[in-house]
């Protein structure tokens, strides 16, 4: 069994750490709280129980779950290729889980979060960053996973996609990063496989996306 620990962001020159810290700080200021510790189903599958929905999050084929090193980078956990080290992995799928605080005076919508993330990304990477929303992955329970595609035609950036699943009382955020010499289409396929494997438990009935 593993623990999905509260994400921590630390100061670092690493691009991803600084970017996650920037977005993470905005999320906390906007009425979301970091995920409290939960137990995984096994060493390679994460489980989170929300108020009305529960989630089973599995890696794509030939990927493994990493917890401690991912926490240092501000994630709840991450998936990397089997046999690779987190700090030098060619591809990373990072996942964060945030609980949405009930606040009648200050509500936060998914559109708000995506808009603020897009602004943060553009501030971080510059005006040459290209961002647009791609087709959502819809689970059998009818929950849409919305995804942003990221690119920069003037230079390489490690961030390729960010995805959001709004569960009512929590939000799951996935992001894909890769190294320069790894084929982007392969990284995106692994990432989409991960999203499609997400299982959602709704009122005692298991739904798979």
Protein backbone atom coordinates (compact mmCIF):
# COMPACT_ATOMS: atom_id res chain seq x y z
CA UNK A 1 0.00 0.00 0.00
CA UNK A 2 1.18 3.54 -0.69
CA UNK A 3 0.13 6.91 0.61
CA UNK A 4 -0.95 9.75 -1.66
CA UNK A 5 0.61 12.56 0.29
CA UNK A 6 -0.21 16.23 0.30
CA UNK A 7 1.72 17.85 -2.57
CA UNK A 8 4.64 20.06 -1.64
CA UNK A 9 6.30 22.63 -3.87
CA UNK A 10 9.87 23.72 -3.21
CA UNK A 11 12.02 26.50 -4.66
CA UNK A 12 14.20 25.18 -7.45
CA UNK A 13 15.67 26.31 -10.75
CA UNK A 14 13.84 23.49 -12.49
CA UNK A 15 11.24 24.86 -14.90
CA UNK A 16 8.51 22.47 -13.81
CA UNK A 17 8.98 23.13 -10.10
CA UNK A 18 8.68 26.90 -10.53
CA UNK A 19 5.67 26.55 -12.80
CA UNK A 20 3.86 24.12 -10.49
CA UNK A 21 4.57 26.39 -7.51
CA UNK A 22 3.08 29.37 -9.34
CA UNK A 23 -0.13 27.55 -10.33
CA UNK A 24 -0.33 25.69 -7.00
CA UNK A 25 -0.17 28.98 -5.06
CA UNK A 26 -3.02 30.42 -7.14
CA UNK A 27 -5.15 27.32 -6.59
CA UNK A 28 -4.74 27.51 -2.83
CA UNK A 29 -5.62 31.20 -2.88
CA UNK A 30 -8.71 30.48 -4.96
CA UNK A 31 -10.53 28.16 -2.58
CA UNK A 32 -8.90 24.79 -3.23
CA UNK A 33 -6.99 22.77 -0.65
CA UNK A 34 -4.34 20.16 -1.31
CA UNK A 35 -5.33 16.50 -1.19
CA UNK A 36 -4.99 14.88 2.22
CA UNK A 37 -3.21 11.53 2.58
CA UNK A 38 -5.06 8.52 1.18
CA UNK A 39 -4.16 4.90 0.56
CA UNK A 40 -3.38 3.39 -2.83
CA UNK A 41 -4.77 0.08 -4.05
CA UNK A 42 -1.23 -1.22 -4.62
CA UNK A 43 2.27 0.06 -5.36
CA UNK A 44 1.29 1.09 -8.88
CA UNK A 45 -2.34 2.24 -8.64
CA UNK A 46 -3.69 5.30 -6.85
CA UNK A 47 -7.08 5.55 -5.16
CA UNK A 48 -8.80 8.70 -3.99
CA UNK A 49 -12.19 8.81 -2.27
CA UNK A 50 -14.13 12.04 -2.67
CA UNK A 51 -17.46 12.94 -1.11
CA UNK A 52 -19.56 11.62 -3.99
CA UNK A 53 -17.01 10.09 -6.36
CA UNK A 54 -14.00 7.82 -5.94
CA UNK A 55 -11.16 7.52 -8.44
CA UNK A 56 -8.83 4.71 -9.45
CA UNK A 57 -5.84 6.13 -11.32
CA UNK A 58 -3.59 3.67 -13.12
CA UNK A 59 -0.43 4.20 -15.18
CA UNK A 60 -0.20 3.50 -18.90
CA UNK A 61 1.40 0.22 -19.92
CA UNK A 62 5.07 -0.13 -18.90
CA UNK A 63 4.89 2.88 -16.56
CA UNK A 64 5.23 2.85 -12.77
CA UNK A 65 4.04 5.08 -9.97
CA UNK A 66 6.48 7.36 -8.14
CA UNK A 67 5.48 9.10 -4.93
CA UNK A 68 8.30 10.64 -2.88
CA UNK A 69 10.29 12.25 -5.69
CA UNK A 70 7.07 13.51 -7.28
CA UNK A 71 5.99 15.12 -4.00
CA UNK A 72 9.19 17.16 -3.97
CA UNK A 73 8.19 18.53 -7.39
CA UNK A 74 4.77 19.50 -6.04
CA UNK A 75 2.72 16.55 -7.31
CA UNK A 76 0.54 14.14 -5.36
CA UNK A 77 2.25 11.37 -7.37
CA UNK A 78 3.52 10.70 -10.90
CA UNK A 79 3.94 7.95 -13.49
CA UNK A 80 7.24 7.38 -15.31
CA UNK A 81 8.54 4.65 -17.67
CA UNK A 82 9.45 1.42 -15.88
CA UNK A 83 13.20 1.13 -15.30
CA UNK A 84 13.87 4.89 -15.38
CA UNK A 85 14.67 7.27 -12.52
CA UNK A 86 12.31 10.10 -11.74
CA UNK A 87 14.94 12.82 -12.01
CA UNK A 88 16.01 11.67 -15.48
CA UNK A 89 12.79 10.14 -16.83
CA UNK A 90 12.14 10.81 -20.50
CA UNK A 91 8.40 11.20 -19.88
CA UNK A 92 6.47 12.14 -16.75
CA UNK A 93 2.75 12.15 -16.10
CA UNK A 94 2.19 14.20 -12.97
CA UNK A 95 -1.09 14.15 -11.05
CA UNK A 96 -2.42 16.54 -8.43
CA UNK A 97 -5.67 16.24 -6.48
CA UNK A 98 -7.24 19.29 -4.89
CA UNK A 99 -10.30 19.40 -2.65
CA UNK A 100 -12.67 22.26 -3.41
CA UNK A 101 -13.59 24.25 -0.34
CA UNK A 102 -17.22 25.20 0.09
CA UNK A 103 -17.33 29.00 0.02
CA UNK A 104 -20.59 30.75 -0.86
CA UNK A 105 -18.81 34.08 -1.29
CA UNK A 106 -15.95 32.80 -3.47
CA UNK A 107 -16.80 29.99 -5.87
CA UNK A 108 -14.20 28.66 -8.32
CA UNK A 109 -15.24 27.08 -11.61
CA UNK A 110 -13.24 24.81 -13.89
CA UNK A 111 -13.29 27.54 -16.53
CA UNK A 112 -11.70 29.89 -13.98
CA UNK A 113 -8.94 27.38 -13.23
CA UNK A 114 -8.19 26.69 -16.90
CA UNK A 115 -8.14 30.42 -17.69
CA UNK A 116 -5.77 31.18 -14.80
CA UNK A 117 -3.52 28.24 -15.70
CA UNK A 118 -3.36 29.46 -19.30
CA UNK A 119 -2.39 32.93 -18.09
CA UNK A 120 0.25 31.48 -15.75
CA UNK A 121 1.70 29.32 -18.52
CA UNK A 122 1.91 32.27 -20.90
CA UNK A 123 3.57 34.44 -18.27
CA UNK A 124 6.07 31.69 -17.56
CA UNK A 125 6.94 30.64 -21.12
CA UNK A 126 6.28 33.89 -22.98
CA UNK A 127 3.95 35.09 -25.71
CA UNK A 128 5.27 32.54 -28.22
CA UNK A 129 3.49 29.78 -26.27
CA UNK A 130 0.65 28.14 -28.20
CA UNK A 131 -2.25 26.81 -26.11
CA UNK A 132 -5.59 25.45 -27.18
CA UNK A 133 -8.17 23.02 -25.83
CA UNK A 134 -8.43 19.61 -27.51
CA UNK A 135 -11.33 17.15 -27.53
CA UNK A 136 -12.27 15.96 -24.05
CA UNK A 137 -12.00 12.37 -22.90
CA UNK A 138 -15.43 11.43 -21.51
CA UNK A 139 -15.78 8.64 -18.96
CA UNK A 140 -18.69 6.22 -19.03
CA UNK A 141 -20.12 8.07 -16.05
CA UNK A 142 -20.31 11.19 -18.21
CA UNK A 143 -17.44 13.11 -16.62
CA UNK A 144 -15.34 15.04 -19.12
CA UNK A 145 -11.57 15.30 -18.80
CA UNK A 146 -10.70 18.62 -20.44
CA UNK A 147 -7.21 18.99 -21.90
CA UNK A 148 -4.97 21.85 -23.00
CA UNK A 149 -2.34 21.29 -25.70
CA UNK A 150 0.89 23.27 -25.25
CA UNK A 151 3.62 24.03 -27.78
CA UNK A 152 6.16 26.67 -28.75
CA UNK A 153 7.35 26.77 -32.34
CA UNK A 154 10.36 28.95 -31.46
CA UNK A 155 11.94 26.63 -28.88
CA UNK A 156 11.49 23.40 -26.98
CA UNK A 157 9.39 23.42 -23.81
CA UNK A 158 9.00 20.28 -21.66
CA UNK A 159 5.27 20.78 -21.00
CA UNK A 160 3.04 19.15 -23.62
CA UNK A 161 -0.48 18.78 -22.13
CA UNK A 162 -2.49 19.60 -19.01
CA UNK A 163 -5.84 17.95 -18.23
CA UNK A 164 -8.58 18.63 -15.71
CA UNK A 165 -11.33 16.46 -14.22
CA UNK A 166 -13.91 18.27 -12.10
CA UNK A 167 -15.62 15.98 -9.62
CA UNK A 168 -17.78 18.48 -7.77
CA UNK A 169 -15.92 18.40 -4.45
CA UNK A 170 -12.44 17.88 -5.90
CA UNK A 171 -10.46 18.49 -9.05
CA UNK A 172 -7.83 16.17 -10.56
CA UNK A 173 -5.11 17.80 -12.64
CA UNK A 174 -2.84 15.76 -14.92
CA UNK A 175 0.15 17.10 -16.81
CA UNK A 176 2.55 15.66 -19.37
CA UNK A 177 6.22 16.60 -19.63
CA UNK A 178 8.95 15.11 -21.79
CA UNK A 179 12.60 15.58 -22.76
CA UNK A 180 13.77 17.07 -26.04
CA UNK A 181 14.75 13.84 -27.81
CA UNK A 182 11.63 11.83 -26.90
CA UNK A 183 9.01 11.59 -29.69
CA UNK A 184 6.13 13.80 -28.70
CA UNK A 185 3.50 11.61 -30.39
CA UNK A 186 4.60 8.66 -28.23
CA UNK A 187 4.45 10.73 -25.05
CA UNK A 188 0.98 11.96 -25.95
CA UNK A 189 -0.20 8.39 -26.61
CA UNK A 190 1.01 7.25 -23.17
CA UNK A 191 -0.70 10.26 -21.62
CA UNK A 192 -4.03 9.63 -23.35
CA UNK A 193 -3.84 5.97 -22.35
CA UNK A 194 -3.51 7.08 -18.74
CA UNK A 195 -6.55 9.35 -19.00
CA UNK A 196 -8.63 6.65 -20.65
CA UNK A 197 -7.77 4.14 -17.90
CA UNK A 198 -9.22 6.37 -15.18
CA UNK A 199 -12.03 4.59 -13.30
CA UNK A 200 -14.72 6.45 -11.40
CA UNK A 201 -16.92 4.95 -8.70
CA UNK A 202 -20.30 6.68 -8.61
CA UNK A 203 -22.72 5.73 -5.82
CA UNK A 204 -21.41 2.18 -5.62
CA UNK A 205 -21.22 1.55 -9.36
CA UNK A 206 -17.82 1.29 -11.06
CA UNK A 207 -17.55 3.35 -14.22
CA UNK A 208 -14.50 3.27 -16.46
CA UNK A 209 -13.33 5.94 -18.84
